[in-house]
Amino acid sequence: MTRSRALFAMPILALFAGILSVLTMAPAQAYDRDCGDFATQRAAQIFFLNNGGPSSDPHGLDAEGDGIACESNPCPCLYKRSTGGGGQPSTDPKSGSGGGSTLTQSAIVIKVTDGDTIKVRLATGGTPDVRLIGIDTPEVYGGTECGGPEASASLKRILPIGTKVVMYSDPTQDLKDRYGRLLRYVHKKSTGKDVNRQQVYFGHATVYVYNNNPFKRTSGYKKAATMAKGAHRGIWGTC
């Protein structure tokens, strides 16, 4: 009788032992994460890099496969694709916070002038022209350059008339250029994506550093340009 009870109990004990081992061995980060779990793009990028990125993306945070996680999340942003000492991404002064404050403005696109310039209606009033910080596209006025019409068409696809955007100034740059245009990073409100960087990534713009004064997102934009060039996208494949 004792032997039969022991034989009956053995499978049950084995089952409990298995369950206990799973519970004790499961890592704290075993559950799936998405971009909504992170308050900023920088927080998402740090998690992404510390959990296999960019070579592995088990949580699906890098939708474009370019090594940058959760581009739809608000800044502070981090465009590093490798970790520094101690398992944390090394700090990039060109993509970190600047010394001044950042001006945030909501607006609606009312015109796409060319591949790097738009006109908006600000939520607070006014209809300024906006020059996208950090990029330069081939000309379509005063002599059409190779890739110019394609760059303009690309921006019109990304920002059709009526698109809601959120614009950010860069503390390291002037608020306006010499023509009186606002200098801004433009993010599409519905997706949060950095439109300036998208133009570079799709190969329709080059990285533009004015007067040898790098803007905050220079590092990330240069990486996007390298990927576009390597894939022969846009101007890199036709011009």
Protein backbone atom coordinates (compact mmCIF):
# COMPACT_ATOMS: atom_id res chain seq x y z
CA MET A 1 0.00 0.00 0.00
CA THR A 2 2.78 2.42 0.94
CA ARG A 3 4.63 1.62 -2.28
CA SER A 4 1.55 2.33 -4.45
CA ARG A 5 1.01 5.67 -2.78
CA ALA A 6 4.60 6.61 -3.39
CA LEU A 7 4.33 5.70 -7.05
CA PHE A 8 1.16 7.81 -7.35
CA ALA A 9 2.78 10.82 -5.67
CA MET A 10 5.93 10.87 -7.81
CA PRO A 11 4.33 12.32 -11.00
CA ILE A 12 2.55 14.99 -8.98
CA LEU A 13 5.77 16.05 -7.26
CA ALA A 14 7.57 16.15 -10.59
CA LEU A 15 4.86 18.39 -12.01
CA PHE A 16 5.09 20.84 -9.11
CA ALA A 17 8.88 20.87 -9.35
CA GLY A 18 8.66 21.74 -13.05
CA ILE A 19 6.24 24.59 -12.42
CA LEU A 20 8.41 25.93 -9.61
CA SER A 21 11.55 25.86 -11.77
CA VAL A 22 9.81 27.84 -14.54
CA LEU A 23 8.59 30.46 -12.10
CA THR A 24 11.98 30.91 -10.46
CA MET A 25 13.98 30.92 -13.68
CA ALA A 26 11.76 33.28 -15.71
CA PRO A 27 13.52 36.64 -16.14
CA ALA A 28 11.82 39.86 -15.06
CA GLN A 29 11.70 41.00 -18.69
CA ALA A 30 10.16 37.82 -20.05
CA TYR A 31 6.87 39.46 -20.98
CA ASP A 32 6.59 41.16 -24.33
CA ARG A 33 7.20 44.91 -24.52
CA ASP A 34 5.97 47.42 -27.06
CA CYS A 35 6.72 51.11 -27.66
CA GLY A 36 3.80 52.18 -25.49
CA ASP A 37 5.65 50.79 -22.45
CA PHE A 38 8.30 53.52 -22.72
CA ALA A 39 7.82 57.23 -21.99
CA THR A 40 10.57 58.33 -24.41
CA GLN A 41 12.45 57.06 -27.44
CA ARG A 42 15.66 57.12 -25.40
CA ALA A 43 14.21 54.75 -22.79
CA ALA A 44 13.07 52.39 -25.53
CA GLN A 45 16.48 52.50 -27.24
CA ILE A 46 18.32 51.66 -24.03
CA PHE A 47 16.02 48.67 -23.42
CA PHE A 48 16.37 47.63 -27.08
CA LEU A 49 20.18 47.68 -26.96
CA ASN A 50 20.34 45.88 -23.62
CA ASN A 51 18.10 43.10 -24.93
CA GLY A 52 19.87 42.07 -28.11
CA GLY A 53 19.46 45.06 -30.41
CA PRO A 54 20.17 45.82 -33.14
CA SER A 55 21.12 42.27 -34.22
CA SER A 56 18.08 40.85 -32.43
CA ASP A 57 14.69 42.44 -31.83
CA PRO A 58 12.55 39.96 -29.86
CA HIS A 59 10.08 42.66 -28.80
CA GLY A 60 9.57 44.15 -32.27
CA LEU A 61 10.58 47.69 -31.26
CA ASP A 62 12.55 48.44 -34.46
CA ALA A 63 9.84 48.54 -37.13
CA GLU A 64 12.14 49.84 -39.88
CA GLY A 65 15.01 47.50 -39.09
CA ASP A 66 17.47 50.40 -38.97
CA GLY A 67 18.71 49.86 -35.41
CA ILE A 68 16.58 52.66 -33.94
CA ALA A 69 13.74 51.64 -31.61
CA CYS A 70 10.35 53.32 -31.22
CA GLU A 71 10.89 56.37 -33.42
CA SER A 72 7.27 57.33 -32.77
CA ASN A 73 8.04 57.97 -29.09
CA PRO A 74 8.77 61.52 -27.94
CA CYS A 75 12.29 62.74 -27.19
CA PRO A 76 14.68 62.77 -25.36
CA CYS A 77 16.04 60.55 -28.14
CA LEU A 78 19.04 58.26 -28.46
CA TYR A 79 20.29 57.08 -31.84
CA LYS A 80 23.21 54.94 -30.68
CA ARG A 81 23.24 51.39 -32.05
CA SER A 82 25.75 49.92 -29.59
CA THR A 83 26.23 49.89 -25.83
CA GLY A 84 29.04 51.52 -23.95
CA GLY A 85 30.58 50.41 -20.68
CA GLY A 86 28.47 48.90 -17.93
CA GLY A 87 25.78 47.69 -20.30
CA GLN A 88 24.38 51.17 -20.91
CA PRO A 89 24.53 53.04 -24.21
CA SER A 90 27.42 55.47 -24.37
CA THR A 91 26.38 59.11 -24.32
CA ASP A 92 26.47 60.98 -27.60
CA PRO A 93 26.70 64.76 -26.98
CA LYS A 94 25.23 65.41 -30.41
CA SER A 95 22.04 63.48 -29.68
CA GLY A 96 21.68 64.31 -26.00
CA SER A 97 20.04 67.31 -24.43
CA GLY A 98 21.31 70.74 -25.36
CA GLY A 99 22.07 73.63 -23.08
CA GLY A 100 18.93 75.60 -23.92
CA SER A 101 15.25 74.83 -23.93
CA THR A 102 13.33 73.16 -26.75
CA LEU A 103 10.34 74.93 -28.25
CA THR A 104 7.45 72.60 -29.10
CA GLN A 105 4.72 73.68 -31.53
CA SER A 106 1.65 71.96 -32.96
CA ALA A 107 0.65 72.79 -36.52
CA ILE A 108 -1.11 71.66 -39.69
CA VAL A 109 0.68 71.41 -43.05
CA ILE A 110 -0.81 73.76 -45.64
CA LYS A 111 1.90 73.48 -48.31
CA VAL A 112 4.94 71.41 -49.23
CA THR A 113 7.35 73.78 -50.97
CA ASP A 114 10.07 71.27 -51.82
CA GLY A 115 11.88 68.33 -50.25
CA ASP A 116 13.06 70.19 -47.15
CA THR A 117 10.63 73.10 -46.72
CA ILE A 118 6.97 73.26 -45.76
CA LYS A 119 4.41 75.88 -44.80
CA VAL A 120 2.21 75.32 -41.74
CA ARG A 121 -0.64 76.84 -39.81
CA LEU A 122 0.34 77.04 -36.16
CA ALA A 123 -2.18 76.09 -33.50
CA THR A 124 -1.40 79.43 -31.85
CA GLY A 125 -1.88 81.36 -35.10
CA GLY A 126 0.35 82.31 -38.02
CA THR A 127 1.42 80.55 -41.20
CA PRO A 128 5.23 80.43 -41.23
CA ASP A 129 7.52 78.63 -43.64
CA VAL A 130 9.47 75.84 -41.96
CA ARG A 131 12.92 74.61 -43.00
CA LEU A 132 13.59 71.05 -41.84
CA ILE A 133 16.67 71.06 -39.62
CA GLY A 134 19.66 68.94 -40.54
CA ILE A 135 18.84 67.99 -44.11
CA ASP A 136 19.27 69.31 -47.62
CA THR A 137 17.48 68.13 -50.75
CA PRO A 138 18.18 68.78 -54.45
CA GLU A 139 16.66 71.99 -55.81
CA VAL A 140 13.47 72.26 -57.84
CA TYR A 141 13.53 76.05 -58.18
CA GLY A 142 16.11 78.09 -60.06
CA GLY A 143 17.21 75.03 -62.01
CA THR A 144 16.04 71.52 -61.27
CA GLU A 145 18.70 69.24 -59.82
CA CYS A 146 18.81 65.45 -60.05
CA GLY A 147 16.55 64.02 -57.39
CA GLY A 148 14.79 67.30 -56.68
CA PRO A 149 11.32 66.38 -57.99
CA GLU A 150 11.54 62.98 -56.28
CA ALA A 151 12.47 64.58 -52.95
CA SER A 152 9.52 66.95 -53.19
CA ALA A 153 7.18 64.10 -54.13
CA SER A 154 8.43 62.07 -51.16
CA LEU A 155 7.72 64.86 -48.69
CA LYS A 156 4.27 65.38 -50.20
CA ARG A 157 3.52 61.70 -49.66
CA ILE A 158 4.71 61.86 -46.05
CA LEU A 159 3.01 65.19 -45.30
CA PRO A 160 -0.05 65.67 -47.48
CA ILE A 161 -1.98 68.92 -47.03
CA GLY A 162 -3.87 68.87 -43.75
CA THR A 163 -1.41 66.61 -41.91
CA LYS A 164 -1.06 67.40 -38.22
CA VAL A 165 2.54 67.77 -37.07
CA VAL A 166 4.48 68.53 -33.92
CA MET A 167 7.61 70.63 -34.41
CA TYR A 168 10.65 70.92 -32.16
CA SER A 169 13.41 73.50 -32.14
CA ASP A 170 17.01 72.52 -31.49
CA PRO A 171 18.75 74.37 -28.62
CA THR A 172 22.05 74.14 -30.51
CA GLN A 173 20.63 75.91 -33.58
CA ASP A 174 18.98 79.24 -34.40
CA LEU A 175 15.18 79.42 -34.23
CA LYS A 176 15.07 80.89 -37.75
CA ASP A 177 17.33 80.92 -40.80
CA ARG A 178 18.43 84.02 -42.69
CA TYR A 179 15.28 83.90 -44.80
CA GLY A 180 13.03 84.02 -41.73
CA ARG A 181 11.96 80.38 -41.97
CA LEU A 182 11.49 78.43 -38.75
CA LEU A 183 14.18 75.81 -38.21
CA ARG A 184 12.51 72.71 -36.81
CA TYR A 185 12.42 68.96 -36.49
CA VAL A 186 9.02 67.98 -37.86
CA HIS A 187 7.23 64.91 -36.48
CA LYS A 188 4.05 63.54 -38.00
CA LYS A 189 1.54 63.57 -35.14
CA SER A 190 -0.24 60.36 -36.13
CA THR A 191 2.96 58.29 -36.12
CA GLY A 192 5.46 60.39 -34.20
CA LYS A 193 8.09 59.76 -36.87
CA ASP A 194 10.88 62.25 -37.47
CA VAL A 195 10.10 63.45 -41.01
CA ASN A 196 13.51 65.07 -41.47
CA ARG A 197 15.23 61.76 -40.78
CA GLN A 198 12.77 59.88 -42.99
CA GLN A 199 13.82 62.00 -45.97
CA VAL A 200 17.44 61.04 -45.30
CA TYR A 201 16.60 57.37 -44.72
CA PHE A 202 14.67 57.13 -48.00
CA GLY A 203 17.62 58.64 -49.86
CA HIS A 204 15.97 61.93 -50.81
CA ALA A 205 18.13 64.18 -48.62
CA THR A 206 21.69 64.53 -47.42
CA VAL A 207 22.73 65.50 -43.89
CA TYR A 208 23.28 69.25 -43.63
CA VAL A 209 25.37 70.79 -40.84
CA TYR A 210 25.20 74.57 -41.01
CA ASN A 211 28.31 76.61 -40.26
CA ASN A 212 30.15 73.60 -38.79
CA ASN A 213 27.73 73.52 -35.84
CA PRO A 214 26.36 69.96 -35.49
CA PHE A 215 22.70 69.70 -34.55
CA LYS A 216 21.55 67.36 -31.76
CA ARG A 217 20.48 64.52 -34.04
CA THR A 218 23.51 64.60 -36.34
CA SER A 219 24.71 61.11 -35.38
CA GLY A 220 21.37 59.43 -36.08
CA TYR A 221 20.89 61.27 -39.37
CA LYS A 222 24.35 60.27 -40.57
CA LYS A 223 23.59 56.64 -39.83
CA ALA A 224 20.34 56.93 -41.79
CA ALA A 225 22.29 58.43 -44.70
CA THR A 226 24.82 55.59 -44.61
CA MET A 227 22.02 53.03 -44.81
CA ALA A 228 20.33 54.88 -47.69
CA LYS A 229 23.60 55.10 -49.59
CA GLY A 230 24.37 51.43 -49.00
CA ALA A 231 20.94 50.44 -50.31
CA HIS A 232 21.21 52.83 -53.30
CA ARG A 233 17.95 54.51 -52.37
CA GLY A 234 16.84 57.83 -53.88
CA ILE A 235 19.63 60.11 -55.00
CA TRP A 236 22.21 57.44 -54.16
CA GLY A 237 20.81 55.19 -56.86
CA THR A 238 19.84 57.67 -59.55
CA CYS A 239 22.16 60.69 -59.31
